Protein backbone atom coordinates (compact mmCIF):
# COMPACT_ATOMS: atom_id res chain seq x y z
CA MET A 1 0.00 0.00 0.00
CA ILE A 2 2.80 2.43 0.83
CA LEU A 3 4.44 1.73 -2.60
CA LEU A 4 1.16 2.46 -4.34
CA VAL A 5 0.82 5.77 -2.55
CA ALA A 6 4.40 6.70 -3.32
CA GLY A 7 3.97 5.89 -6.99
CA LEU A 8 0.83 7.93 -7.41
CA THR A 9 2.33 10.80 -5.47
CA LEU A 10 5.41 10.82 -7.71
CA VAL A 11 3.31 10.97 -10.87
CA ILE A 12 1.18 13.86 -9.66
CA ALA A 13 4.04 15.78 -8.10
CA THR A 14 6.04 15.66 -11.37
CA SER A 15 3.03 16.84 -13.34
CA GLY A 16 3.17 20.24 -11.53
CA ILE A 17 -0.22 20.16 -9.82
CA GLY A 18 1.39 20.74 -6.44
CA GLY A 19 1.32 19.67 -2.85
CA TYR A 20 -2.37 20.34 -2.27
CA VAL A 21 -3.55 17.61 -4.70
CA THR A 22 -0.76 15.31 -3.58
CA SER A 23 -1.83 15.36 0.02
CA ASN A 24 -5.48 14.83 -0.90
CA VAL A 25 -4.66 11.85 -3.10
CA GLN A 26 -2.66 10.32 -0.29
CA ASN A 27 -5.60 10.69 2.05
CA ALA A 28 -8.02 9.23 -0.47
CA VAL A 29 -5.86 6.18 -1.20
CA CYS A 30 -5.31 5.56 2.46
CA ARG A 31 -9.05 5.65 3.10
CA VAL A 32 -9.69 3.14 0.31
CA GLY A 33 -6.96 0.86 1.61
CA ALA A 34 -8.17 1.20 5.19
CA ASP A 35 -4.57 2.02 6.16
CA ASP A 36 -3.27 5.04 8.07
CA CYS A 37 -0.20 5.45 5.80
CA LYS A 38 2.09 6.40 8.66
CA ALA A 39 5.59 7.36 7.62
CA PRO A 40 8.27 4.68 8.14
CA GLY A 41 9.84 4.72 11.57
CA VAL A 42 6.78 6.10 13.38
CA PRO A 43 5.34 3.44 15.71
CA ARG A 44 1.66 2.80 15.46
CA PRO A 45 -0.40 2.91 18.64
CA PRO A 46 -1.76 -0.49 19.63
CA LYS A 47 -5.33 -1.09 18.61
CA THR A 48 -7.80 -1.55 21.41
CA PRO A 49 -9.61 -4.86 21.22
CA LYS A 50 -13.32 -4.48 20.65
CA SER A 51 -14.08 -6.48 23.76
CA SER A 52 -12.22 -3.97 25.99
CA LYS A 53 -14.10 -0.91 24.73
CA LEU A 54 -16.42 0.56 27.36
CA PRO A 55 -19.97 1.42 26.34
CA LYS A 56 -20.48 5.13 25.73
CA PRO A 57 -22.61 6.91 28.32
CA PRO A 58 -25.86 8.40 27.08
CA LYS A 59 -25.47 11.95 25.77
CA ARG A 60 -26.62 14.56 28.26
CA LYS A 61 -26.57 18.31 27.73
CA SER A 62 -24.74 19.96 30.66
CA ILE A 63 -25.59 23.37 32.14
CA THR A 64 -22.36 24.72 30.67
CA THR A 65 -23.22 23.55 27.19
CA ALA A 66 -26.75 24.87 27.55
CA ALA A 67 -25.41 28.21 28.71
CA LEU A 68 -23.23 28.46 25.60
CA LEU A 69 -26.23 27.81 23.42
CA ASN A 70 -28.67 29.94 25.42
CA PRO A 71 -27.36 32.01 28.40
CA SER A 72 -30.88 32.48 29.74
CA LEU A 73 -30.98 28.77 30.56
CA ALA A 74 -27.99 29.13 32.87
CA ILE A 75 -29.61 32.07 34.63
CA LYS A 76 -32.80 30.08 35.02
CA ALA A 77 -30.89 27.07 36.40
CA VAL A 78 -29.20 29.24 39.04
CA GLN A 79 -32.50 30.90 39.95
CA ASP A 80 -34.23 27.51 40.21
CA SER A 81 -31.45 26.32 42.54
CA VAL A 82 -31.80 29.42 44.73
CA ASN A 83 -35.58 29.10 44.85
CA ALA A 84 -35.31 25.43 45.79
CA THR A 85 -32.88 26.27 48.62
CA LEU A 86 -35.14 29.02 49.91
CA ALA A 87 -38.15 26.74 49.74
CA ARG A 88 -36.40 24.22 52.04
CA ALA A 89 -35.19 26.89 54.50
CA PRO A 90 -37.45 28.53 57.08
CA GLU A 91 -38.61 32.02 56.07
CA ALA A 92 -36.49 34.80 57.59
CA THR A 93 -38.23 37.52 59.58
CA PRO A 94 -37.72 41.21 58.71
CA GLN A 95 -35.63 41.62 61.88
CA GLN A 96 -33.34 38.74 60.91
CA LEU A 97 -32.88 40.24 57.46
CA ASP A 98 -32.14 43.67 58.93
CA GLU A 99 -29.61 42.35 61.42
CA ALA A 100 -27.80 40.32 58.77
CA PHE A 101 -27.68 43.43 56.58
CA LEU A 102 -26.46 45.65 59.43
CA LYS A 103 -23.60 43.29 60.32
CA GLU A 104 -22.06 43.99 56.92
CA ARG A 105 -22.06 47.76 57.48
CA PRO A 106 -19.62 49.91 59.51
CA HIS A 107 -20.37 49.74 63.24
CA GLY A 108 -23.25 47.34 62.57
CA LYS A 109 -22.11 44.52 64.86
CA VAL A 110 -21.25 46.78 67.78
CA SER A 111 -24.59 48.58 67.36
CA LEU A 112 -26.57 45.35 67.62
CA VAL A 113 -24.66 44.14 70.69
CA TRP A 114 -24.94 47.53 72.39
CA MET A 115 -28.70 47.61 71.64
CA ARG A 116 -29.20 44.33 73.48
CA GLN A 117 -27.08 45.51 76.40
CA GLN A 118 -29.07 48.76 76.71
CA GLY A 119 -32.47 47.12 76.34
CA ILE A 120 -33.29 48.98 73.10
CA LYS A 121 -36.05 47.23 71.15
CA ALA A 122 -36.93 47.14 67.46
CA GLU A 123 -40.64 46.93 66.62
CA TYR A 124 -41.84 46.13 63.11
CA ARG A 125 -45.06 47.25 61.46
CA SER A 126 -46.54 47.57 58.00
CA GLY A 127 -46.69 51.27 57.17
CA GLY A 128 -46.02 54.29 59.32
CA GLY A 129 -42.45 54.86 58.13
CA ASN A 130 -39.19 54.37 59.99
CA THR A 131 -38.62 56.34 63.19
CA TYR A 132 -37.57 55.92 66.82
CA ASP A 133 -38.54 56.96 70.34
CA LYS A 134 -35.44 57.87 72.36
CA THR A 135 -37.33 58.19 75.65
CA ASN A 136 -38.78 54.69 75.52
CA LYS A 137 -35.78 53.15 73.71
CA VAL A 138 -37.79 51.82 70.76
CA ILE A 139 -36.94 51.81 67.05
CA TYR A 140 -40.02 51.57 64.80
CA LEU A 141 -39.36 49.98 61.42
CA ASP A 142 -41.71 49.82 58.44
CA THR A 143 -41.64 46.47 56.63
CA THR A 144 -42.85 48.12 53.41
CA THR A 145 -39.58 50.09 53.16
CA THR A 146 -36.25 48.80 51.85
CA LEU A 147 -33.44 47.19 53.81
CA GLU A 148 -31.29 50.24 53.11
CA ASP A 149 -33.88 52.65 54.51
CA ARG A 150 -34.40 50.59 57.65
CA ALA A 151 -30.63 50.27 58.16
CA LYS A 152 -30.22 54.06 57.99
CA THR A 153 -32.89 54.47 60.69
CA TYR A 154 -31.17 51.84 62.83
CA GLU A 155 -27.84 53.66 62.51
CA LYS A 156 -29.30 57.10 63.16
CA ALA A 157 -31.16 55.88 66.24
CA ILE A 158 -28.14 54.07 67.74
CA ALA A 159 -25.92 57.10 67.14
CA ASP A 160 -28.46 59.33 68.89
CA PHE A 161 -28.95 56.92 71.81
CA ALA A 162 -25.17 56.55 72.25
CA GLY A 163 -24.33 60.23 71.83
CA ILE A 164 -22.35 59.85 68.60
CA PRO A 165 -21.98 63.37 67.05
CA THR A 166 -23.28 62.60 63.55
CA ASP A 167 -25.32 65.78 62.97
CA GLN A 168 -22.54 68.37 63.15
CA GLU A 169 -22.78 71.29 60.77
CA ALA A 170 -20.19 70.95 58.04
CA PRO A 171 -17.50 73.67 57.90
CA ASP A 172 -18.07 76.33 55.24
CA PRO A 173 -15.02 76.55 52.93
CA LYS A 174 -15.98 80.10 51.94
CA LYS A 175 -15.75 81.34 55.52
CA LEU A 176 -12.46 79.71 56.54
CA LEU A 177 -8.84 79.87 55.49
CA ARG A 178 -7.71 76.81 53.60
CA GLU A 179 -5.75 75.05 56.34
CA ASP A 180 -8.35 76.00 58.95
CA TYR A 181 -11.01 74.39 56.77
CA VAL A 182 -8.95 71.21 56.36
CA ASP A 183 -8.26 70.96 60.10
CA GLU A 184 -11.88 71.54 61.06
CA VAL A 185 -13.20 68.90 58.66
CA LEU A 186 -10.69 66.33 59.93
CA ASP A 187 -11.43 67.24 63.54
CA GLN A 188 -15.14 66.64 62.99
CA ARG A 189 -14.47 63.25 61.44
CA ALA A 190 -12.10 62.38 64.27
CA ASP A 191 -14.80 63.31 66.81
CA VAL A 192 -17.19 60.81 65.22
CA GLN A 193 -14.55 58.09 64.91
CA LEU A 194 -13.39 58.65 68.47
CA ALA A 195 -16.94 58.37 69.81
CA TRP A 196 -17.43 55.07 67.96
CA ALA A 197 -14.02 53.83 69.13
CA ARG A 198 -14.86 54.58 72.76
CA LEU A 199 -18.22 52.84 72.48
CA THR A 200 -16.75 49.85 70.66
CA ARG A 201 -14.01 49.35 73.24
CA LYS A 202 -16.54 49.38 76.07
CA VAL A 203 -18.69 46.83 74.26
CA GLN A 204 -15.67 44.65 73.46
CA LYS A 205 -14.68 44.57 77.14
CA SER A 206 -18.19 43.75 78.33
CA GLU A 207 -20.16 40.51 78.36
CA GLY A 208 -21.06 39.41 74.85
CA GLY A 209 -18.63 41.85 73.27
CA ALA A 210 -16.15 39.24 72.05
CA GLU A 211 -18.07 38.96 68.76
CA VAL A 212 -17.29 42.60 67.90
CA PRO A 213 -14.08 42.66 65.81
CA ASP A 214 -11.58 45.46 65.30
CA ASP A 215 -11.63 47.45 62.10
CA GLU A 216 -8.55 49.50 61.15
CA ILE A 217 -9.64 52.59 63.11
CA GLN A 218 -10.49 50.53 66.19
CA ARG A 219 -7.16 48.73 66.00
CA VAL A 220 -5.27 52.06 65.98
CA TYR A 221 -7.29 53.35 68.94
CA ASN A 222 -6.99 50.17 71.00
CA GLU A 223 -3.25 49.83 70.44
CA ALA A 224 -2.63 53.47 71.43
CA TYR A 225 -4.97 53.10 74.43
CA ASP A 226 -3.12 50.02 75.73
CA HIS A 227 0.27 51.60 75.05
CA GLY A 228 -0.68 54.67 77.07
CA VAL A 229 -1.78 52.62 80.08
CA GLU A 230 1.29 50.35 79.94
CA THR A 231 3.64 53.34 79.65
CA ASN A 232 2.20 55.25 82.62
CA ALA A 233 1.48 52.35 84.99
CA PRO A 234 5.13 51.96 86.14
CA TRP A 235 5.40 55.67 86.96
CA TYR A 236 2.39 55.43 89.26
CA ALA A 237 3.61 52.14 90.75
CA GLU A 238 6.94 53.74 91.72
CA ARG A 239 4.99 56.28 93.75
CA GLY A 240 3.22 53.63 95.73
CA ARG A 241 -0.17 53.30 94.06
CA PRO A 242 -1.56 51.55 90.98
CA LEU A 243 -3.66 53.28 88.38
CA THR A 244 -7.38 53.38 89.09
CA ASP A 245 -9.86 52.30 86.42
CA ALA A 246 -10.84 55.94 85.88
CA GLU A 247 -7.20 56.94 85.42
CA LYS A 248 -6.59 54.09 82.98
CA GLU A 249 -9.61 55.19 80.95
CA ARG A 250 -8.50 58.84 80.94
CA ILE A 251 -4.88 58.07 79.99
CA GLY A 252 -5.76 55.39 77.43
CA ASP A 253 -8.40 57.54 75.78
CA ASP A 254 -5.98 60.47 75.60
CA TYR A 255 -3.39 58.34 73.78
CA GLY A 256 -6.03 56.82 71.50
CA SER A 257 -7.53 60.20 70.66
CA ARG A 258 -4.17 61.74 69.76
CA GLU A 259 -3.29 58.76 67.58
CA LEU A 260 -6.57 58.91 65.67
CA ARG A 261 -6.26 62.63 65.03
CA LYS A 262 -2.77 62.32 63.56
CA ASN A 263 -3.51 59.17 61.61
CA TRP A 264 -5.06 60.88 58.59
CA ASN A 265 -3.62 59.98 55.23
CA PRO A 266 -1.78 62.91 53.57
CA GLU A 267 -3.83 62.23 50.45
CA GLU A 268 -6.99 63.13 52.38
CA ARG A 269 -5.52 66.49 53.36
CA ALA A 270 -4.61 67.11 49.72
CA ARG A 271 -8.16 66.21 48.64
CA LEU A 272 -9.67 68.64 51.16
CA ARG A 273 -7.33 71.41 49.98
CA LYS A 274 -8.55 70.87 46.43
CA ASP A 275 -12.12 70.98 47.70
CA TRP A 276 -11.42 74.35 49.36
CA GLU A 277 -9.78 75.67 46.18
CA HIS A 278 -12.83 74.59 44.17
CA HIS A 279 -15.01 76.84 46.34
CA ASN A 280 -12.47 79.67 46.30
CA PRO A 281 -11.28 80.30 42.72
CA ARG A 282 -7.93 82.07 42.42
CA ARG A 283 -8.14 85.87 42.21
CA TRP A 284 -5.54 88.41 41.21
CA THR A 285 -5.85 90.10 44.61
CA CYS A 286 -4.87 86.94 46.46
CA LEU A 287 -2.09 84.47 45.68
CA TRP A 288 -2.29 81.12 47.45
CA ILE A 289 1.47 80.83 47.20
CA TRP A 290 1.89 83.67 49.70
CA ARG A 291 -1.10 83.30 51.97
CA ASN A 292 -4.36 81.44 52.47
CA CYS A 293 -7.10 83.33 50.71
CA PRO A 294 -10.16 84.06 52.89
């Protein structure tokens, strides 16, 4: 068979038709002869006996294949899976949904723990809007509103109950010099962060507070707080008395406060300067290079 192929190939190749026809003739002859026409020296793979061949599994269209053909089928398959899971699980209450949502937001976990410690209740109703009663320590939540809206009411109520200064009037860039504006904005933010840090530390040190983790700001505050107490304790011990709890709190908070206020990223100061400059366009009567324009 190989000689036959070689002979035919030689005839066609010398006639000038070219490699394309040659290769096709080789393939055709090989098919007729039921031979693979491997070049000499190349070992042939052993043929698998018919008896050892496994039966082919029935053809089944996978989700991946279906998705390639029609993406909406994949979406439907995922949705069906989700619906089936939800159908087997017990239905979550609005309060469970709200608490799960709050835990993913800043200060959410500490807020929920502190609520329980202070006896603050959340009452749900259909209609009436979201509000709270500070005197009676009740947060009223409307189940017809969104998770986001209810979470904002939760956060506003907890901040008010705990004395977090969230409603400060923002500094007016048109009434302040540039660096005064930057310092005042950062001081306001530090006041809020410091209030949350103080509350979080108290909750962490109380019963049930172990589930409240540190975020970056809390870590900075706690480390500075502990460093302050550890640094000053020996000085008091040398004078014959240990630090009282009130003194530890005062010293630790002082260290934590100073660390938070100096911990601002320089990029944030630069951003606030640009914000001030946006509200105070450059004028020929005032050069920023020499002085801060009013």
